[in-house]
């Protein structure tokens, strides 16, 4: 999936609120940087913020509290 598609999908899952999306990405990226395991596969060479965005786009992260939803 291309980055534009990932961003569009992630935005649609948070009601097109870029502020909420940026907060979610920042919080999850912090968790990933602190040692949390990614919820998606094939991301070994990706940066934490990119992994977080992909997790949100795939519905692996819930809007409330950045918790695993699936």
PDB file of N, CA and C in Angstrom:
ATOM      1  N   UNK A   1       0.848  -1.172   0.000  1.00  0.00           N
ATOM      2  CA  UNK A   1       0.000   0.000   0.000  1.00  0.00           C
ATOM      3  C   UNK A   1       0.899   1.243   0.000  1.00  0.00           C
ATOM      4  N   UNK A   2       0.562   2.200  -0.813  1.00  0.00           N
ATOM      5  CA  UNK A   2       1.336   3.438  -0.902  1.00  0.00           C
ATOM      6  C   UNK A   2       1.046   4.338   0.288  1.00  0.00           C
ATOM      7  N   UNK A   3       1.955   5.229   0.583  1.00  0.00           N
ATOM      8  CA  UNK A   3       1.812   6.086   1.757  1.00  0.00           C
ATOM      9  C   UNK A   3       0.564   6.965   1.693  1.00  0.00           C
ATOM     10  N   UNK A   4       0.208   7.448   0.509  1.00  0.00           N
ATOM     11  CA  UNK A   4      -1.001   8.271   0.379  1.00  0.00           C
ATOM     12  C   UNK A   4      -2.247   7.471   0.738  1.00  0.00           C
ATOM     13  N   UNK A   5      -2.256   6.203   0.329  1.00  0.00           N
ATOM     14  CA  UNK A   5      -3.397   5.334   0.639  1.00  0.00           C
ATOM     15  C   UNK A   5      -3.475   5.040   2.132  1.00  0.00           C
ATOM     16  N   UNK A   6      -2.326   4.834   2.751  1.00  0.00           N
ATOM     17  CA  UNK A   6      -2.283   4.562   4.189  1.00  0.00           C
ATOM     18  C   UNK A   6      -2.809   5.766   4.959  1.00  0.00           C
ATOM     19  N   UNK A   7      -2.357   6.948   4.604  1.00  0.00           N
ATOM     20  CA  UNK A   7      -2.803   8.164   5.289  1.00  0.00           C
ATOM     21  C   UNK A   7      -4.293   8.381   5.105  1.00  0.00           C
ATOM     22  N   UNK A   8      -4.788   8.197   3.895  1.00  0.00           N
ATOM     23  CA  UNK A   8      -6.212   8.375   3.623  1.00  0.00           C
ATOM     24  C   UNK A   8      -7.058   7.405   4.427  1.00  0.00           C
ATOM     25  N   UNK A   9      -6.637   6.152   4.476  1.00  0.00           N
ATOM     26  CA  UNK A   9      -7.384   5.148   5.228  1.00  0.00           C
ATOM     27  C   UNK A   9      -7.353   5.447   6.722  1.00  0.00           C
ATOM     28  N   UNK A  10      -6.175   5.809   7.244  1.00  0.00           N
ATOM     29  CA  UNK A  10      -6.047   6.134   8.663  1.00  0.00           C
ATOM     30  C   UNK A  10      -6.915   7.344   9.018  1.00  0.00           C
ATOM     31  N   UNK A  11      -6.905   8.356   8.171  1.00  0.00           N
ATOM     32  CA  UNK A  11      -7.740   9.538   8.411  1.00  0.00           C
ATOM     33  C   UNK A  11      -9.219   9.187   8.447  1.00  0.00           C
ATOM     34  N   UNK A  12      -9.645   8.306   7.560  1.00  0.00           N
ATOM     35  CA  UNK A  12     -11.064   7.940   7.531  1.00  0.00           C
ATOM     36  C   UNK A  12     -11.478   7.227   8.811  1.00  0.00           C
ATOM     37  N   UNK A  13     -10.543   6.508   9.434  1.00  0.00           N
ATOM     38  CA  UNK A  13     -10.849   5.791  10.668  1.00  0.00           C
ATOM     39  C   UNK A  13     -10.912   6.694  11.891  1.00  0.00           C
ATOM     40  N   UNK A  14     -10.372   7.897  11.791  1.00  0.00           N
ATOM     41  CA  UNK A  14     -10.440   8.850  12.908  1.00  0.00           C
ATOM     42  C   UNK A  14     -11.325  10.046  12.570  1.00  0.00           C
ATOM     43  N   UNK A  15     -12.232   9.854  11.643  1.00  0.00           N
ATOM     44  CA  UNK A  15     -13.182  10.908  11.290  1.00  0.00           C
ATOM     45  C   UNK A  15     -12.555  12.095  10.591  1.00  0.00           C
ATOM     46  N   UNK A  16     -11.524  11.847   9.803  1.00  0.00           N
ATOM     47  CA  UNK A  16     -10.806  12.886   9.050  1.00  0.00           C
ATOM     48  C   UNK A  16     -10.251  13.997   9.932  1.00  0.00           C
ATOM     49  N   UNK A  17      -9.926  13.660  11.171  1.00  0.00           N
ATOM     50  CA  UNK A  17      -9.361  14.621  12.111  1.00  0.00           C
ATOM     51  C   UNK A  17      -7.844  14.444  12.147  1.00  0.00           C
ATOM     52  N   UNK A  18      -7.139  15.319  11.462  1.00  0.00           N
ATOM     53  CA  UNK A  18      -5.678  15.212  11.370  1.00  0.00           C
ATOM     54  C   UNK A  18      -5.002  15.383  12.727  1.00  0.00           C
ATOM     55  N   UNK A  19      -5.584  16.198  13.587  1.00  0.00           N
ATOM     56  CA  UNK A  19      -5.018  16.406  14.910  1.00  0.00           C
ATOM     57  C   UNK A  19      -5.065  15.113  15.723  1.00  0.00           C
ATOM     58  N   UNK A  20      -6.206  14.443  15.733  1.00  0.00           N
ATOM     59  CA  UNK A  20      -6.331  13.170  16.443  1.00  0.00           C
ATOM     60  C   UNK A  20      -5.363  12.137  15.877  1.00  0.00           C
ATOM     61  N   UNK A  21      -5.269  12.095  14.566  1.00  0.00           N
ATOM     62  CA  UNK A  21      -4.373  11.136  13.932  1.00  0.00           C
ATOM     63  C   UNK A  21      -2.921  11.398  14.331  1.00  0.00           C
ATOM     64  N   UNK A  22      -2.533  12.658  14.331  1.00  0.00           N
ATOM     65  CA  UNK A  22      -1.148  12.969  14.686  1.00  0.00           C
ATOM     66  C   UNK A  22      -0.858  12.614  16.145  1.00  0.00           C
ATOM     67  N   UNK A  23      -1.829  12.836  17.042  1.00  0.00           N
ATOM     68  CA  UNK A  23      -1.647  12.451  18.443  1.00  0.00           C
ATOM     69  C   UNK A  23      -1.535  10.942  18.596  1.00  0.00           C
ATOM     70  N   UNK A  24      -2.372  10.211  17.865  1.00  0.00           N
ATOM     71  CA  UNK A  24      -2.328   8.749  17.921  1.00  0.00           C
ATOM     72  C   UNK A  24      -0.996   8.222  17.411  1.00  0.00           C
ATOM     73  N   UNK A  25      -0.539   8.762  16.297  1.00  0.00           N
ATOM     74  CA  UNK A  25       0.733   8.317  15.720  1.00  0.00           C
ATOM     75  C   UNK A  25       1.870   8.617  16.686  1.00  0.00           C
ATOM     76  N   UNK A  26       1.871   9.805  17.271  1.00  0.00           N
ATOM     77  CA  UNK A  26       2.943  10.177  18.191  1.00  0.00           C
ATOM     78  C   UNK A  26       2.970   9.259  19.411  1.00  0.00           C
ATOM     79  N   UNK A  27       1.816   8.999  19.991  1.00  0.00           N
ATOM     80  CA  UNK A  27       1.743   8.157  21.180  1.00  0.00           C
ATOM     81  C   UNK A  27       2.187   6.725  20.864  1.00  0.00           C
ATOM     82  N   UNK A  28       1.679   6.174  19.768  1.00  0.00           N
ATOM     83  CA  UNK A  28       2.038   4.798  19.412  1.00  0.00           C
ATOM     84  C   UNK A  28       3.505   4.687  19.018  1.00  0.00           C
ATOM     85  N   UNK A  29       4.029   5.696  18.316  1.00  0.00           N
ATOM     86  CA  UNK A  29       5.439   5.687  17.946  1.00  0.00           C
ATOM     87  C   UNK A  29       6.309   5.707  19.193  1.00  0.00           C
ATOM     88  N   UNK A  30       5.896   6.438  20.204  1.00  0.00           N
ATOM     89  CA  UNK A  30       6.620   6.464  21.476  1.00  0.00           C
ATOM     90  C   UNK A  30       6.618   5.073  22.119  1.00  0.00           C
ATOM     91  N   UNK A  31       5.459   4.410  22.079  1.00  0.00           N
ATOM     92  CA  UNK A  31       5.371   3.057  22.622  1.00  0.00           C
ATOM     93  C   UNK A  31       6.292   2.099  21.872  1.00  0.00           C
ATOM     94  N   UNK A  32       6.296   2.210  20.562  1.00  0.00           N
ATOM     95  CA  UNK A  32       7.145   1.346  19.739  1.00  0.00           C
ATOM     96  C   UNK A  32       8.624   1.606  20.017  1.00  0.00           C
ATOM     97  N   UNK A  33       8.983   2.866  20.172  1.00  0.00           N
ATOM     98  CA  UNK A  33      10.370   3.221  20.463  1.00  0.00           C
ATOM     99  C   UNK A  33      10.814   2.700  21.830  1.00  0.00           C
ATOM    100  N   UNK A  34       9.833   2.536  22.724  1.00  0.00           N
ATOM    101  CA  UNK A  34      10.127   2.051  24.075  1.00  0.00           C
ATOM    102  C   UNK A  34      10.119   0.533  24.164  1.00  0.00           C
ATOM    103  N   UNK A  35       9.934  -0.133  23.022  1.00  0.00           N
ATOM    104  CA  UNK A  35      10.034  -1.587  23.010  1.00  0.00           C
ATOM    105  C   UNK A  35       8.754  -2.352  22.761  1.00  0.00           C
ATOM    106  N   UNK A  36       7.643  -1.669  22.537  1.00  0.00           N
ATOM    107  CA  UNK A  36       6.390  -2.367  22.240  1.00  0.00           C
ATOM    108  C   UNK A  36       6.527  -3.111  20.913  1.00  0.00           C
ATOM    109  N   UNK A  37       5.875  -4.252  20.834  1.00  0.00           N
ATOM    110  CA  UNK A  37       5.918  -5.059  19.612  1.00  0.00           C
ATOM    111  C   UNK A  37       4.949  -4.487  18.571  1.00  0.00           C
ATOM    112  N   UNK A  38       5.374  -4.387  17.316  1.00  0.00           N
ATOM    113  CA  UNK A  38       4.465  -3.933  16.253  1.00  0.00           C
ATOM    114  C   UNK A  38       3.300  -4.913  16.084  1.00  0.00           C
ATOM    115  N   UNK A  39       2.144  -4.386  15.738  1.00  0.00           N
ATOM    116  CA  UNK A  39       0.949  -5.196  15.542  1.00  0.00           C
ATOM    117  C   UNK A  39       0.764  -5.603  14.085  1.00  0.00           C
ATOM    118  N   UNK A  40       1.684  -5.192  13.237  1.00  0.00           N
ATOM    119  CA  UNK A  40       1.669  -5.552  11.823  1.00  0.00           C
ATOM    120  C   UNK A  40       2.997  -6.223  11.481  1.00  0.00           C
ATOM    121  N   UNK A  41       2.993  -7.001  10.424  1.00  0.00           N
ATOM    122  CA  UNK A  41       4.194  -7.737  10.034  1.00  0.00           C
ATOM    123  C   UNK A  41       4.930  -7.033   8.901  1.00  0.00           C
ATOM    124  N   UNK A  42       6.188  -7.389   8.757  1.00  0.00           N
ATOM    125  CA  UNK A  42       6.994  -6.878   7.652  1.00  0.00           C
ATOM    126  C   UNK A  42       7.406  -5.433   7.809  1.00  0.00           C
ATOM    127  N   UNK A  43       7.659  -5.011   9.026  1.00  0.00           N
ATOM    128  CA  UNK A  43       7.984  -3.610   9.273  1.00  0.00           C
ATOM    129  C   UNK A  43       9.360  -3.425   9.899  1.00  0.00           C
ATOM    130  N   UNK A  44      10.231  -4.396   9.744  1.00  0.00           N
ATOM    131  CA  UNK A  44      11.520  -4.371  10.425  1.00  0.00           C
ATOM    132  C   UNK A  44      12.388  -3.170  10.061  1.00  0.00           C
ATOM    133  N   UNK A  45      12.241  -2.626   8.873  1.00  0.00           N
ATOM    134  CA  UNK A  45      13.076  -1.504   8.443  1.00  0.00           C
ATOM    135  C   UNK A  45      12.328  -0.172   8.447  1.00  0.00           C
ATOM    136  N   UNK A  46      11.112  -0.164   8.980  1.00  0.00           N
ATOM    137  CA  UNK A  46      10.315   1.062   9.010  1.00  0.00           C
ATOM    138  C   UNK A  46      10.558   1.833  10.297  1.00  0.00           C
ATOM    139  N   UNK A  47      10.352   3.140  10.242  1.00  0.00           N
ATOM    140  CA  UNK A  47      10.469   3.995  11.414  1.00  0.00           C
ATOM    141  C   UNK A  47       9.224   3.820  12.284  1.00  0.00           C
ATOM    142  N   UNK A  48       9.340   4.071  13.598  1.00  0.00           N
ATOM    143  CA  UNK A  48       8.199   3.900  14.500  1.00  0.00           C
ATOM    144  C   UNK A  48       6.942   4.679  14.080  1.00  0.00           C
ATOM    145  N   UNK A  49       7.093   5.891  13.596  1.00  0.00           N
ATOM    146  CA  UNK A  49       5.927   6.677  13.185  1.00  0.00           C
ATOM    147  C   UNK A  49       5.232   6.044  11.976  1.00  0.00           C
ATOM    148  N   UNK A  50       6.006   5.484  11.069  1.00  0.00           N
ATOM    149  CA  UNK A  50       5.425   4.828   9.896  1.00  0.00           C
ATOM    150  C   UNK A  50       4.694   3.546  10.298  1.00  0.00           C
ATOM    151  N   UNK A  51       5.269   2.818  11.239  1.00  0.00           N
ATOM    152  CA  UNK A  51       4.620   1.602  11.738  1.00  0.00           C
ATOM    153  C   UNK A  51       3.310   1.970  12.422  1.00  0.00           C
ATOM    154  N   UNK A  52       3.348   3.012  13.253  1.00  0.00           N
ATOM    155  CA  UNK A  52       2.145   3.454  13.961  1.00  0.00           C
ATOM    156  C   UNK A  52       1.045   3.837  12.983  1.00  0.00           C
ATOM    157  N   UNK A  53       1.383   4.570  11.951  1.00  0.00           N
ATOM    158  CA  UNK A  53       0.402   4.977  10.954  1.00  0.00           C
ATOM    159  C   UNK A  53      -0.197   3.771  10.245  1.00  0.00           C
ATOM    160  N   UNK A  54       0.629   2.798   9.920  1.00  0.00           N
ATOM    161  CA  UNK A  54       0.153   1.582   9.271  1.00  0.00           C
ATOM    162  C   UNK A  54      -0.771   0.795  10.198  1.00  0.00           C
ATOM    163  N   UNK A  55      -0.418   0.704  11.476  1.00  0.00           N
ATOM    164  CA  UNK A  55      -1.269   0.013  12.439  1.00  0.00           C
ATOM    165  C   UNK A  55      -2.640   0.669  12.536  1.00  0.00           C
ATOM    166  N   UNK A  56      -2.666   1.983  12.538  1.00  0.00           N
ATOM    167  CA  UNK A  56      -3.936   2.713  12.604  1.00  0.00           C
ATOM    168  C   UNK A  56      -4.746   2.465  11.342  1.00  0.00           C
ATOM    169  N   UNK A  57      -4.109   2.542  10.182  1.00  0.00           N
ATOM    170  CA  UNK A  57      -4.801   2.334   8.913  1.00  0.00           C
ATOM    171  C   UNK A  57      -5.387   0.940   8.800  1.00  0.00           C
ATOM    172  N   UNK A  58      -4.718  -0.039   9.396  1.00  0.00           N
ATOM    173  CA  UNK A  58      -5.199  -1.420   9.337  1.00  0.00           C
ATOM    174  C   UNK A  58      -6.188  -1.743  10.460  1.00  0.00           C
ATOM    175  N   UNK A  59      -6.522  -0.748  11.279  1.00  0.00           N
ATOM    176  CA  UNK A  59      -7.504  -0.947  12.333  1.00  0.00           C
ATOM    177  C   UNK A  59      -6.979  -1.722  13.533  1.00  0.00           C
ATOM    178  N   UNK A  60      -5.670  -1.780  13.691  1.00  0.00           N
ATOM    179  CA  UNK A  60      -5.067  -2.510  14.813  1.00  0.00           C
ATOM    180  C   UNK A  60      -5.031  -1.668  16.087  1.00  0.00           C
ATOM    181  N   UNK A  61      -5.209  -0.368  15.940  1.00  0.00           N
ATOM    182  CA  UNK A  61      -5.154   0.551  17.071  1.00  0.00           C
ATOM    183  C   UNK A  61      -6.497   1.250  17.216  1.00  0.00           C
ATOM    184  N   UNK A  62      -7.022   1.253  18.441  1.00  0.00           N
ATOM    185  CA  UNK A  62      -8.300   1.907  18.728  1.00  0.00           C
ATOM    186  C   UNK A  62      -8.065   3.392  18.974  1.00  0.00           C
ATOM    187  N   UNK A  63      -9.066   4.190  18.701  1.00  0.00           N
ATOM    188  CA  UNK A  63      -8.985   5.638  18.897  1.00  0.00           C
ATOM    189  C   UNK A  63      -8.833   5.999  20.369  1.00  0.00           C
ATOM    190  N   UNK A  64      -9.524   5.272  21.221  1.00  0.00           N
ATOM    191  CA  UNK A  64      -9.494   5.591  22.661  1.00  0.00           C
ATOM    192  C   UNK A  64      -8.384   4.843  23.379  1.00  0.00           C
ATOM    193  N   UNK A  65      -7.338   5.568  23.719  1.00  0.00           N
ATOM    194  CA  UNK A  65      -6.292   4.990  24.549  1.00  0.00           C
ATOM    195  C   UNK A  65      -5.181   4.256  23.842  1.00  0.00           C
ATOM    196  N   UNK A  66      -5.168   4.231  22.541  1.00  0.00           N
ATOM    197  CA  UNK A  66      -4.113   3.548  21.800  1.00  0.00           C
ATOM    198  C   UNK A  66      -3.949   2.123  22.327  1.00  0.00           C
ATOM    199  N   UNK A  67      -4.995   1.340  22.201  1.00  0.00           N
ATOM    200  CA  UNK A  67      -4.941  -0.047  22.639  1.00  0.00           C
ATOM    201  C   UNK A  67      -5.212  -0.953  21.455  1.00  0.00           C
ATOM    202  N   UNK A  68      -4.800  -2.184  21.585  1.00  0.00           N
ATOM    203  CA  UNK A  68      -5.022  -3.158  20.512  1.00  0.00           C
ATOM    204  C   UNK A  68      -6.521  -3.388  20.367  1.00  0.00           C
ATOM    205  N   UNK A  69      -7.028  -3.269  19.140  1.00  0.00           N
ATOM    206  CA  UNK A  69      -8.460  -3.437  18.919  1.00  0.00           C
ATOM    207  C   UNK A  69      -8.796  -4.752  18.231  1.00  0.00           C
ATOM    208  N   UNK A  70      -7.824  -5.426  17.667  1.00  0.00           N
ATOM    209  CA  UNK A  70      -8.085  -6.688  16.964  1.00  0.00           C
ATOM    210  C   UNK A  70      -7.111  -7.735  17.416  1.00  0.00           C
TER     211      UNK A  70
END
